[in-house]
């Protein structure tokens, strides 16, 4: 809920089913949404829906760690996006 303090809209959900409904509403019923932040633990249950937007300019769907900490999904998604964009992963640690 800290995002609301920054002036962003927040849509708390309890499970993947609710997240799926909110994601559909934000991506199909609204044209003013450019970025959607989703906690990794919720995102893990709706990855098939999130993956539909991986090559779209908007909305950009950003996976963020939840209260329990990072699951590594956000970093993996960033690495994949960089690799798709430039053909190689320049963020990868060697």
Protein backbone atom coordinates (compact mmCIF):
# COMPACT_ATOMS: atom_id res chain seq x y z
CA UNK A 1 0.00 0.00 0.00
CA UNK A 2 3.03 2.26 0.07
CA UNK A 3 2.48 2.93 -3.63
CA UNK A 4 -0.67 4.89 -2.83
CA UNK A 5 1.47 7.36 -0.88
CA UNK A 6 3.26 8.03 -4.17
CA UNK A 7 -0.03 8.78 -5.91
CA UNK A 8 -0.37 5.42 -7.61
CA UNK A 9 -3.49 3.27 -7.62
CA UNK A 10 -3.31 0.03 -5.65
CA UNK A 11 -5.45 -3.06 -6.16
CA UNK A 12 -4.91 -5.46 -3.26
CA UNK A 13 -5.74 -9.07 -4.12
CA UNK A 14 -5.88 -12.17 -1.97
CA UNK A 15 -5.11 -14.82 -4.58
CA UNK A 16 -4.36 -15.58 -8.22
CA UNK A 17 -8.02 -15.59 -9.23
CA UNK A 18 -8.50 -12.03 -7.99
CA UNK A 19 -5.20 -10.98 -9.57
CA UNK A 20 -6.29 -12.42 -12.91
CA UNK A 21 -9.54 -10.43 -12.75
CA UNK A 22 -7.77 -7.17 -11.85
CA UNK A 23 -5.10 -7.68 -14.52
CA UNK A 24 -7.76 -8.27 -17.16
CA UNK A 25 -9.64 -5.13 -16.12
CA UNK A 26 -6.49 -3.00 -16.17
CA UNK A 27 -5.34 -4.29 -19.55
CA UNK A 28 -8.66 -4.55 -21.39
CA UNK A 29 -10.91 -1.89 -19.90
CA UNK A 30 -8.44 0.96 -19.34
CA UNK A 31 -6.21 2.74 -21.80
CA UNK A 32 -4.50 5.01 -19.27
CA UNK A 33 -2.44 2.30 -17.56
CA UNK A 34 1.22 2.32 -18.59
CA UNK A 35 2.90 0.32 -15.80
CA UNK A 36 1.56 -2.47 -13.61
CA UNK A 37 3.57 -3.64 -10.60
CA UNK A 38 2.77 -7.15 -9.37
CA UNK A 39 4.32 -8.91 -6.39
CA UNK A 40 6.23 -12.01 -7.41
CA UNK A 41 4.24 -14.39 -5.21
CA UNK A 42 0.96 -13.33 -6.86
CA UNK A 43 2.56 -13.21 -10.32
CA UNK A 44 3.65 -16.84 -10.06
CA UNK A 45 0.00 -17.90 -10.28
CA UNK A 46 -0.84 -15.79 -13.35
CA UNK A 47 2.32 -16.00 -15.46
CA UNK A 48 0.42 -17.15 -18.55
CA UNK A 49 -1.57 -13.90 -18.48
CA UNK A 50 1.50 -11.78 -17.73
CA UNK A 51 3.48 -13.40 -20.56
CA UNK A 52 0.93 -12.08 -23.07
CA UNK A 53 2.32 -8.60 -22.45
CA UNK A 54 6.05 -9.33 -22.45
CA UNK A 55 6.53 -7.86 -25.93
CA UNK A 56 4.05 -4.99 -25.50
CA UNK A 57 5.18 -1.44 -24.90
CA UNK A 58 2.22 -0.76 -22.63
CA UNK A 59 1.35 -1.82 -20.16
CA UNK A 60 4.77 -2.69 -18.85
CA UNK A 61 4.33 -5.35 -16.17
CA UNK A 62 7.04 -5.19 -13.53
CA UNK A 63 7.45 -7.98 -10.99
CA UNK A 64 8.51 -6.79 -7.56
CA UNK A 65 9.44 -8.65 -4.38
CA UNK A 66 6.75 -9.17 -1.78
CA UNK A 67 7.01 -8.86 1.97
CA UNK A 68 8.62 -12.29 2.17
CA UNK A 69 11.49 -11.21 -0.10
CA UNK A 70 12.43 -11.82 -3.69
CA UNK A 71 11.70 -15.03 -5.55
CA UNK A 72 14.07 -13.94 -8.34
CA UNK A 73 11.24 -13.66 -10.87
CA UNK A 74 11.61 -9.92 -11.41
CA UNK A 75 15.33 -10.17 -12.16
CA UNK A 76 14.73 -13.13 -14.47
CA UNK A 77 12.07 -11.17 -16.36
CA UNK A 78 14.41 -8.18 -16.68
CA UNK A 79 17.21 -10.40 -17.99
CA UNK A 80 14.85 -11.96 -20.55
CA UNK A 81 13.62 -8.54 -21.71
CA UNK A 82 17.18 -7.27 -22.17
CA UNK A 83 18.11 -10.39 -24.11
CA UNK A 84 15.05 -10.02 -26.39
CA UNK A 85 15.82 -6.34 -26.96
CA UNK A 86 19.52 -6.54 -27.82
CA UNK A 87 20.14 -10.20 -28.55
CA UNK A 88 22.37 -10.91 -25.58
CA UNK A 89 22.08 -10.62 -21.83
CA UNK A 90 24.47 -7.85 -20.76
CA UNK A 91 23.21 -8.03 -17.16
CA UNK A 92 24.28 -11.63 -16.61
CA UNK A 93 27.00 -12.20 -14.04
CA UNK A 94 29.93 -14.19 -15.40
